[in-house]
Amino acid sequence: MGKACKAAGVVGVTFNDLRGTAATRLALVGATEAEIATITGHSLRGVRAILDTHYLSCDPKLGDSAIAKLERGTESPDQSMRV
């Protein structure tokens, strides 16, 4: 992997950085945790930890998506918001 990164001009990141980025991008396009784990080689627990701790909580696209869904009124009338 190191040789491939060097040949491609990828610098300043590690293999684990690239795996985490792949996990994040896959999640953002709707891949399940199981699908992500299959591609990246992480365990399901590892995928959850990566997404929860390092990536998705900081991704503004997820917040934008949630607001867009709310504005479209995707919640059915019998599902009230519970706090």
PDB file of N, CA and C in Angstrom:
ATOM      1  N   MET A   1       0.830  -1.184   0.000  1.00  0.00           N
ATOM      2  CA  MET A   1       0.000   0.000   0.000  1.00  0.00           C
ATOM      3  C   MET A   1       0.876   1.251   0.000  1.00  0.00           C
ATOM      4  N   GLY A   2       1.951   1.208   0.736  1.00  0.00           N
ATOM      5  CA  GLY A   2       2.863   2.346   0.787  1.00  0.00           C
ATOM      6  C   GLY A   2       3.416   2.710  -0.577  1.00  0.00           C
ATOM      7  N   LYS A   3       3.794   1.700  -1.344  1.00  0.00           N
ATOM      8  CA  LYS A   3       4.325   1.944  -2.685  1.00  0.00           C
ATOM      9  C   LYS A   3       3.262   2.549  -3.594  1.00  0.00           C
ATOM     10  N   ALA A   4       2.044   2.028  -3.491  1.00  0.00           N
ATOM     11  CA  ALA A   4       0.952   2.544  -4.324  1.00  0.00           C
ATOM     12  C   ALA A   4       0.644   3.996  -3.980  1.00  0.00           C
ATOM     13  N   CYS A   5       0.632   4.323  -2.689  1.00  0.00           N
ATOM     14  CA  CYS A   5       0.386   5.716  -2.277  1.00  0.00           C
ATOM     15  C   CYS A   5       1.487   6.635  -2.780  1.00  0.00           C
ATOM     16  N   LYS A   6       2.721   6.184  -2.642  1.00  0.00           N
ATOM     17  CA  LYS A   6       3.846   6.996  -3.099  1.00  0.00           C
ATOM     18  C   LYS A   6       3.766   7.221  -4.611  1.00  0.00           C
ATOM     19  N   ALA A   7       3.468   6.167  -5.351  1.00  0.00           N
ATOM     20  CA  ALA A   7       3.362   6.281  -6.812  1.00  0.00           C
ATOM     21  C   ALA A   7       2.221   7.212  -7.223  1.00  0.00           C
ATOM     22  N   ALA A   8       1.151   7.246  -6.415  1.00  0.00           N
ATOM     23  CA  ALA A   8      -0.001   8.097  -6.723  1.00  0.00           C
ATOM     24  C   ALA A   8       0.171   9.516  -6.199  1.00  0.00           C
ATOM     25  N   GLY A   9       1.259   9.756  -5.472  1.00  0.00           N
ATOM     26  CA  GLY A   9       1.499  11.090  -4.934  1.00  0.00           C
ATOM     27  C   GLY A   9       0.724  11.398  -3.668  1.00  0.00           C
ATOM     28  N   VAL A  10       0.211  10.368  -3.002  1.00  0.00           N
ATOM     29  CA  VAL A  10      -0.529  10.558  -1.760  1.00  0.00           C
ATOM     30  C   VAL A  10       0.483  10.697  -0.630  1.00  0.00           C
ATOM     31  N   VAL A  11       0.448  11.842   0.047  1.00  0.00           N
ATOM     32  CA  VAL A  11       1.375  12.089   1.148  1.00  0.00           C
ATOM     33  C   VAL A  11       0.614  12.641   2.348  1.00  0.00           C
ATOM     34  N   GLY A  12       1.168  12.448   3.516  1.00  0.00           N
ATOM     35  CA  GLY A  12       0.600  13.025   4.721  1.00  0.00           C
ATOM     36  C   GLY A  12      -0.564  12.267   5.329  1.00  0.00           C
ATOM     37  N   VAL A  13      -0.861  11.094   4.811  1.00  0.00           N
ATOM     38  CA  VAL A  13      -1.920  10.267   5.389  1.00  0.00           C
ATOM     39  C   VAL A  13      -1.425   8.833   5.500  1.00  0.00           C
ATOM     40  N   THR A  14      -2.030   8.106   6.409  1.00  0.00           N
ATOM     41  CA  THR A  14      -1.668   6.708   6.591  1.00  0.00           C
ATOM     42  C   THR A  14      -2.733   5.812   5.960  1.00  0.00           C
ATOM     43  N   PHE A  15      -2.426   4.546   5.880  1.00  0.00           N
ATOM     44  CA  PHE A  15      -3.400   3.578   5.381  1.00  0.00           C
ATOM     45  C   PHE A  15      -4.672   3.632   6.220  1.00  0.00           C
ATOM     46  N   ASN A  16      -4.519   3.756   7.545  1.00  0.00           N
ATOM     47  CA  ASN A  16      -5.693   3.817   8.419  1.00  0.00           C
ATOM     48  C   ASN A  16      -6.517   5.074   8.155  1.00  0.00           C
ATOM     49  N   ASP A  17      -5.858   6.192   7.842  1.00  0.00           N
ATOM     50  CA  ASP A  17      -6.595   7.406   7.469  1.00  0.00           C
ATOM     51  C   ASP A  17      -7.446   7.143   6.234  1.00  0.00           C
ATOM     52  N   LEU A  18      -6.867   6.480   5.260  1.00  0.00           N
ATOM     53  CA  LEU A  18      -7.585   6.200   4.019  1.00  0.00           C
ATOM     54  C   LEU A  18      -8.751   5.251   4.257  1.00  0.00           C
ATOM     55  N   ARG A  19      -8.565   4.258   5.122  1.00  0.00           N
ATOM     56  CA  ARG A  19      -9.656   3.333   5.440  1.00  0.00           C
ATOM     57  C   ARG A  19     -10.789   4.063   6.140  1.00  0.00           C
ATOM     58  N   GLY A  20     -10.445   4.952   7.061  1.00  0.00           N
ATOM     59  CA  GLY A  20     -11.470   5.719   7.769  1.00  0.00           C
ATOM     60  C   GLY A  20     -12.235   6.635   6.826  1.00  0.00           C
ATOM     61  N   THR A  21     -11.510   7.255   5.910  1.00  0.00           N
ATOM     62  CA  THR A  21     -12.156   8.116   4.925  1.00  0.00           C
ATOM     63  C   THR A  21     -13.078   7.307   4.032  1.00  0.00           C
ATOM     64  N   ALA A  22     -12.633   6.131   3.635  1.00  0.00           N
ATOM     65  CA  ALA A  22     -13.477   5.255   2.819  1.00  0.00           C
ATOM     66  C   ALA A  22     -14.739   4.881   3.588  1.00  0.00           C
ATOM     67  N   ALA A  23     -14.600   4.543   4.869  1.00  0.00           N
ATOM     68  CA  ALA A  23     -15.760   4.188   5.685  1.00  0.00           C
ATOM     69  C   ALA A  23     -16.747   5.348   5.749  1.00  0.00           C
ATOM     70  N   THR A  24     -16.238   6.541   5.922  1.00  0.00           N
ATOM     71  CA  THR A  24     -17.093   7.723   5.997  1.00  0.00           C
ATOM     72  C   THR A  24     -17.822   7.969   4.687  1.00  0.00           C
ATOM     73  N   ARG A  25     -17.099   7.937   3.599  1.00  0.00           N
ATOM     74  CA  ARG A  25     -17.720   8.189   2.298  1.00  0.00           C
ATOM     75  C   ARG A  25     -18.763   7.135   1.957  1.00  0.00           C
ATOM     76  N   LEU A  26     -18.479   5.899   2.309  1.00  0.00           N
ATOM     77  CA  LEU A  26     -19.450   4.838   2.082  1.00  0.00           C
ATOM     78  C   LEU A  26     -20.712   5.068   2.909  1.00  0.00           C
ATOM     79  N   ALA A  27     -20.552   5.469   4.152  1.00  0.00           N
ATOM     80  CA  ALA A  27     -21.708   5.732   5.013  1.00  0.00           C
ATOM     81  C   ALA A  27     -22.536   6.889   4.472  1.00  0.00           C
ATOM     82  N   LEU A  28     -21.871   7.911   3.988  1.00  0.00           N
ATOM     83  CA  LEU A  28     -22.578   9.087   3.481  1.00  0.00           C
ATOM     84  C   LEU A  28     -23.405   8.796   2.234  1.00  0.00           C
ATOM     85  N   VAL A  29     -23.041   7.758   1.495  1.00  0.00           N
ATOM     86  CA  VAL A  29     -23.841   7.406   0.316  1.00  0.00           C
ATOM     87  C   VAL A  29     -24.832   6.285   0.617  1.00  0.00           C
ATOM     88  N   GLY A  30     -24.953   5.936   1.900  1.00  0.00           N
ATOM     89  CA  GLY A  30     -25.986   4.993   2.303  1.00  0.00           C
ATOM     90  C   GLY A  30     -25.561   3.557   2.487  1.00  0.00           C
ATOM     91  N   ALA A  31     -24.270   3.265   2.443  1.00  0.00           N
ATOM     92  CA  ALA A  31     -23.815   1.897   2.677  1.00  0.00           C
ATOM     93  C   ALA A  31     -24.079   1.515   4.134  1.00  0.00           C
ATOM     94  N   THR A  32     -24.469   0.275   4.352  1.00  0.00           N
ATOM     95  CA  THR A  32     -24.690  -0.204   5.715  1.00  0.00           C
ATOM     96  C   THR A  32     -23.354  -0.439   6.396  1.00  0.00           C
ATOM     97  N   GLU A  33     -23.404  -0.553   7.709  1.00  0.00           N
ATOM     98  CA  GLU A  33     -22.176  -0.838   8.455  1.00  0.00           C
ATOM     99  C   GLU A  33     -21.577  -2.172   8.023  1.00  0.00           C
ATOM    100  N   ALA A  34     -22.428  -3.160   7.759  1.00  0.00           N
ATOM    101  CA  ALA A  34     -21.934  -4.466   7.314  1.00  0.00           C
ATOM    102  C   ALA A  34     -21.250  -4.347   5.953  1.00  0.00           C
ATOM    103  N   GLU A  35     -21.834  -3.572   5.051  1.00  0.00           N
ATOM    104  CA  GLU A  35     -21.212  -3.372   3.738  1.00  0.00           C
ATOM    105  C   GLU A  35     -19.862  -2.673   3.885  1.00  0.00           C
ATOM    106  N   ILE A  36     -19.825  -1.667   4.739  1.00  0.00           N
ATOM    107  CA  ILE A  36     -18.573  -0.933   4.959  1.00  0.00           C
ATOM    108  C   ILE A  36     -17.509  -1.865   5.518  1.00  0.00           C
ATOM    109  N   ALA A  37     -17.883  -2.665   6.507  1.00  0.00           N
ATOM    110  CA  ALA A  37     -16.929  -3.591   7.121  1.00  0.00           C
ATOM    111  C   ALA A  37     -16.383  -4.580   6.098  1.00  0.00           C
ATOM    112  N   THR A  38     -17.231  -5.022   5.195  1.00  0.00           N
ATOM    113  CA  THR A  38     -16.793  -5.969   4.170  1.00  0.00           C
ATOM    114  C   THR A  38     -15.748  -5.339   3.260  1.00  0.00           C
ATOM    115  N   ILE A  39     -15.946  -4.087   2.917  1.00  0.00           N
ATOM    116  CA  ILE A  39     -15.017  -3.411   2.011  1.00  0.00           C
ATOM    117  C   ILE A  39     -13.721  -3.004   2.705  1.00  0.00           C
ATOM    118  N   THR A  40     -13.837  -2.459   3.918  1.00  0.00           N
ATOM    119  CA  THR A  40     -12.650  -1.911   4.584  1.00  0.00           C
ATOM    120  C   THR A  40     -11.881  -2.928   5.420  1.00  0.00           C
ATOM    121  N   GLY A  41     -12.542  -4.030   5.751  1.00  0.00           N
ATOM    122  CA  GLY A  41     -11.881  -5.031   6.587  1.00  0.00           C
ATOM    123  C   GLY A  41     -12.003  -4.762   8.074  1.00  0.00           C
ATOM    124  N   HIS A  42     -12.776  -3.756   8.455  1.00  0.00           N
ATOM    125  CA  HIS A  42     -13.019  -3.488   9.868  1.00  0.00           C
ATOM    126  C   HIS A  42     -14.060  -4.472  10.401  1.00  0.00           C
ATOM    127  N   SER A  43     -14.118  -4.602  11.715  1.00  0.00           N
ATOM    128  CA  SER A  43     -15.231  -5.316  12.342  1.00  0.00           C
ATOM    129  C   SER A  43     -16.425  -4.364  12.366  1.00  0.00           C
ATOM    130  N   LEU A  44     -17.610  -4.906  12.600  1.00  0.00           N
ATOM    131  CA  LEU A  44     -18.783  -4.029  12.728  1.00  0.00           C
ATOM    132  C   LEU A  44     -18.584  -3.029  13.859  1.00  0.00           C
ATOM    133  N   ARG A  45     -18.039  -3.491  14.954  1.00  0.00           N
ATOM    134  CA  ARG A  45     -17.765  -2.605  16.083  1.00  0.00           C
ATOM    135  C   ARG A  45     -16.768  -1.520  15.676  1.00  0.00           C
ATOM    136  N   GLY A  46     -15.769  -1.903  14.895  1.00  0.00           N
ATOM    137  CA  GLY A  46     -14.779  -0.931  14.430  1.00  0.00           C
ATOM    138  C   GLY A  46     -15.383   0.120  13.525  1.00  0.00           C
ATOM    139  N   VAL A  47     -16.271  -0.319  12.630  1.00  0.00           N
ATOM    140  CA  VAL A  47     -16.944   0.636  11.740  1.00  0.00           C
ATOM    141  C   VAL A  47     -17.759   1.621  12.565  1.00  0.00           C
ATOM    142  N   ARG A  48     -18.535   1.105  13.522  1.00  0.00           N
ATOM    143  CA  ARG A  48     -19.351   1.988  14.368  1.00  0.00           C
ATOM    144  C   ARG A  48     -18.477   2.983  15.113  1.00  0.00           C
ATOM    145  N   ALA A  49     -17.383   2.504  15.656  1.00  0.00           N
ATOM    146  CA  ALA A  49     -16.495   3.391  16.415  1.00  0.00           C
ATOM    147  C   ALA A  49     -15.901   4.484  15.533  1.00  0.00           C
ATOM    148  N   ILE A  50     -15.459   4.105  14.354  1.00  0.00           N
ATOM    149  CA  ILE A  50     -14.886   5.085  13.430  1.00  0.00           C
ATOM    150  C   ILE A  50     -15.917   6.142  13.059  1.00  0.00           C
ATOM    151  N   LEU A  51     -17.089   5.693  12.670  1.00  0.00           N
ATOM    152  CA  LEU A  51     -18.117   6.628  12.232  1.00  0.00           C
ATOM    153  C   LEU A  51     -18.597   7.506  13.377  1.00  0.00           C
ATOM    154  N   ASP A  52     -18.781   6.918  14.532  1.00  0.00           N
ATOM    155  CA  ASP A  52     -19.291   7.664  15.674  1.00  0.00           C
ATOM    156  C   ASP A  52     -18.262   8.636  16.243  1.00  0.00           C
ATOM    157  N   THR A  53     -17.055   8.165  16.418  1.00  0.00           N
ATOM    158  CA  THR A  53     -16.049   8.950  17.116  1.00  0.00           C
ATOM    159  C   THR A  53     -15.361   9.993  16.251  1.00  0.00           C
ATOM    160  N   HIS A  54     -15.031   9.622  15.037  1.00  0.00           N
ATOM    161  CA  HIS A  54     -14.137  10.476  14.272  1.00  0.00           C
ATOM    162  C   HIS A  54     -14.741  11.196  13.086  1.00  0.00           C
ATOM    163  N   TYR A  55     -15.809  10.699  12.554  1.00  0.00           N
ATOM    164  CA  TYR A  55     -16.199  11.218  11.257  1.00  0.00           C
ATOM    165  C   TYR A  55     -17.602  11.799  11.200  1.00  0.00           C
ATOM    166  N   LEU A  56     -18.606  10.987  11.357  1.00  0.00           N
ATOM    167  CA  LEU A  56     -19.963  11.428  11.053  1.00  0.00           C
ATOM    168  C   LEU A  56     -20.455  12.537  11.964  1.00  0.00           C
ATOM    169  N   SER A  57     -20.004  12.554  13.204  1.00  0.00           N
ATOM    170  CA  SER A  57     -20.447  13.611  14.106  1.00  0.00           C
ATOM    171  C   SER A  57     -19.935  14.983  13.665  1.00  0.00           C
ATOM    172  N   CYS A  58     -18.945  14.997  12.818  1.00  0.00           N
ATOM    173  CA  CYS A  58     -18.365  16.259  12.355  1.00  0.00           C
ATOM    174  C   CYS A  58     -18.742  16.594  10.922  1.00  0.00           C
ATOM    175  N   ASP A  59     -19.572  15.798  10.298  1.00  0.00           N
ATOM    176  CA  ASP A  59     -19.872  16.013   8.889  1.00  0.00           C
ATOM    177  C   ASP A  59     -21.143  16.834   8.729  1.00  0.00           C
ATOM    178  N   PRO A  60     -21.025  18.069   8.261  1.00  0.00           N
ATOM    179  CA  PRO A  60     -22.206  18.923   8.126  1.00  0.00           C
ATOM    180  C   PRO A  60     -23.228  18.398   7.118  1.00  0.00           C
ATOM    181  N   LYS A  61     -22.806  17.539   6.184  1.00  0.00           N
ATOM    182  CA  LYS A  61     -23.742  16.991   5.208  1.00  0.00           C
ATOM    183  C   LYS A  61     -24.848  16.191   5.888  1.00  0.00           C
ATOM    184  N   LEU A  62     -24.532  15.531   6.990  1.00  0.00           N
ATOM    185  CA  LEU A  62     -25.545  14.753   7.697  1.00  0.00           C
ATOM    186  C   LEU A  62     -26.586  15.660   8.327  1.00  0.00           C
ATOM    187  N   GLY A  63     -26.140  16.740   8.914  1.00  0.00           N
ATOM    188  CA  GLY A  63     -27.082  17.702   9.476  1.00  0.00           C
ATOM    189  C   GLY A  63     -27.951  18.315   8.397  1.00  0.00           C
ATOM    190  N   ASP A  64     -27.338  18.668   7.277  1.00  0.00           N
ATOM    191  CA  ASP A  64     -28.096  19.227   6.151  1.00  0.00           C
ATOM    192  C   ASP A  64     -29.142  18.231   5.663  1.00  0.00           C
ATOM    193  N   SER A  65     -28.764  16.963   5.598  1.00  0.00           N
ATOM    194  CA  SER A  65     -29.687  15.921   5.148  1.00  0.00           C
ATOM    195  C   SER A  65     -30.860  15.786   6.111  1.00  0.00           C
ATOM    196  N   ALA A  66     -30.581  15.823   7.393  1.00  0.00           N
ATOM    197  CA  ALA A  66     -31.647  15.703   8.389  1.00  0.00           C
ATOM    198  C   ALA A  66     -32.613  16.880   8.292  1.00  0.00           C
ATOM    199  N   ILE A  67     -32.086  18.071   8.135  1.00  0.00           N
ATOM    200  CA  ILE A  67     -32.947  19.256   8.017  1.00  0.00           C
ATOM    201  C   ILE A  67     -33.785  19.179   6.747  1.00  0.00           C
ATOM    202  N   ALA A  68     -33.189  18.746   5.646  1.00  0.00           N
ATOM    203  CA  ALA A  68     -33.931  18.620   4.386  1.00  0.00           C
ATOM    204  C   ALA A  68     -35.076  17.637   4.537  1.00  0.00           C
ATOM    205  N   LYS A  69     -34.836  16.526   5.223  1.00  0.00           N
ATOM    206  CA  LYS A  69     -35.899  15.548   5.454  1.00  0.00           C
ATOM    207  C   LYS A  69     -37.019  16.144   6.304  1.00  0.00           C
ATOM    208  N   LEU A  70     -36.634  16.888   7.320  1.00  0.00           N
ATOM    209  CA  LEU A  70     -37.620  17.530   8.171  1.00  0.00           C
ATOM    210  C   LEU A  70     -38.458  18.519   7.364  1.00  0.00           C
ATOM    211  N   GLU A  71     -37.802  19.297   6.532  1.00  0.00           N
ATOM    212  CA  GLU A  71     -38.508  20.287   5.719  1.00  0.00           C
ATOM    213  C   GLU A  71     -39.434  19.633   4.696  1.00  0.00           C
ATOM    214  N   ARG A  72     -39.065  18.465   4.213  1.00  0.00           N
ATOM    215  CA  ARG A  72     -39.925  17.740   3.261  1.00  0.00           C
ATOM    216  C   ARG A  72     -41.086  17.063   3.966  1.00  0.00           C
ATOM    217  N   GLY A  73     -41.025  16.999   5.286  1.00  0.00           N
ATOM    218  CA  GLY A  73     -42.094  16.374   6.048  1.00  0.00           C
ATOM    219  C   GLY A  73     -42.130  14.873   5.888  1.00  0.00           C
ATOM    220  N   THR A  74     -40.963  14.228   5.932  1.00  0.00           N
ATOM    221  CA  THR A  74     -40.915  12.784   5.739  1.00  0.00           C
ATOM    222  C   THR A  74     -41.474  12.010   6.915  1.00  0.00           C
ATOM    223  N   GLU A  75     -41.659  12.669   8.031  1.00  0.00           N
ATOM    224  CA  GLU A  75     -42.212  11.974   9.193  1.00  0.00           C
ATOM    225  C   GLU A  75     -43.703  11.796   8.992  1.00  0.00           C
ATOM    226  N   SER A  76     -44.207  10.600   9.196  1.00  0.00           N
ATOM    227  CA  SER A  76     -45.632  10.355   9.023  1.00  0.00           C
ATOM    228  C   SER A  76     -46.406  11.006  10.166  1.00  0.00           C
ATOM    229  N   PRO A  77     -47.664  11.353   9.953  1.00  0.00           N
ATOM    230  CA  PRO A  77     -48.457  12.064  10.957  1.00  0.00           C
ATOM    231  C   PRO A  77     -48.583  11.330  12.291  1.00  0.00           C
ATOM    232  N   ASP A  78     -48.529  10.008  12.296  1.00  0.00           N
ATOM    233  CA  ASP A  78     -48.683   9.271  13.545  1.00  0.00           C
ATOM    234  C   ASP A  78     -47.380   9.111  14.311  1.00  0.00           C
ATOM    235  N   GLN A  79     -46.291   9.630  13.782  1.00  0.00           N
ATOM    236  CA  GLN A  79     -45.004   9.561  14.475  1.00  0.00           C
ATOM    237  C   GLN A  79     -44.686  10.938  15.035  1.00  0.00           C
ATOM    238  N   SER A  80     -45.063  11.198  16.252  1.00  0.00           N
ATOM    239  CA  SER A  80     -44.772  12.492  16.840  1.00  0.00           C
ATOM    240  C   SER A  80     -43.324  12.537  17.287  1.00  0.00           C
ATOM    241  N   MET A  81     -42.810  13.733  17.376  1.00  0.00           N
ATOM    242  CA  MET A  81     -41.424  13.909  17.842  1.00  0.00           C
ATOM    243  C   MET A  81     -41.412  13.682  19.349  1.00  0.00           C
ATOM    244  N   ARG A  82     -40.542  12.791  19.780  1.00  0.00           N
ATOM    245  CA  ARG A  82     -40.440  12.473  21.201  1.00  0.00           C
ATOM    246  C   ARG A  82     -39.107  12.966  21.721  1.00  0.00           C
ATOM    247  N   VAL A  83     -39.138  13.565  22.880  1.00  0.00           N
ATOM    248  CA  VAL A  83     -37.907  14.064  23.498  1.00  0.00           C
ATOM    249  C   VAL A  83     -37.624  13.281  24.732  1.00  0.00           C
TER     250      VAL A  83
END
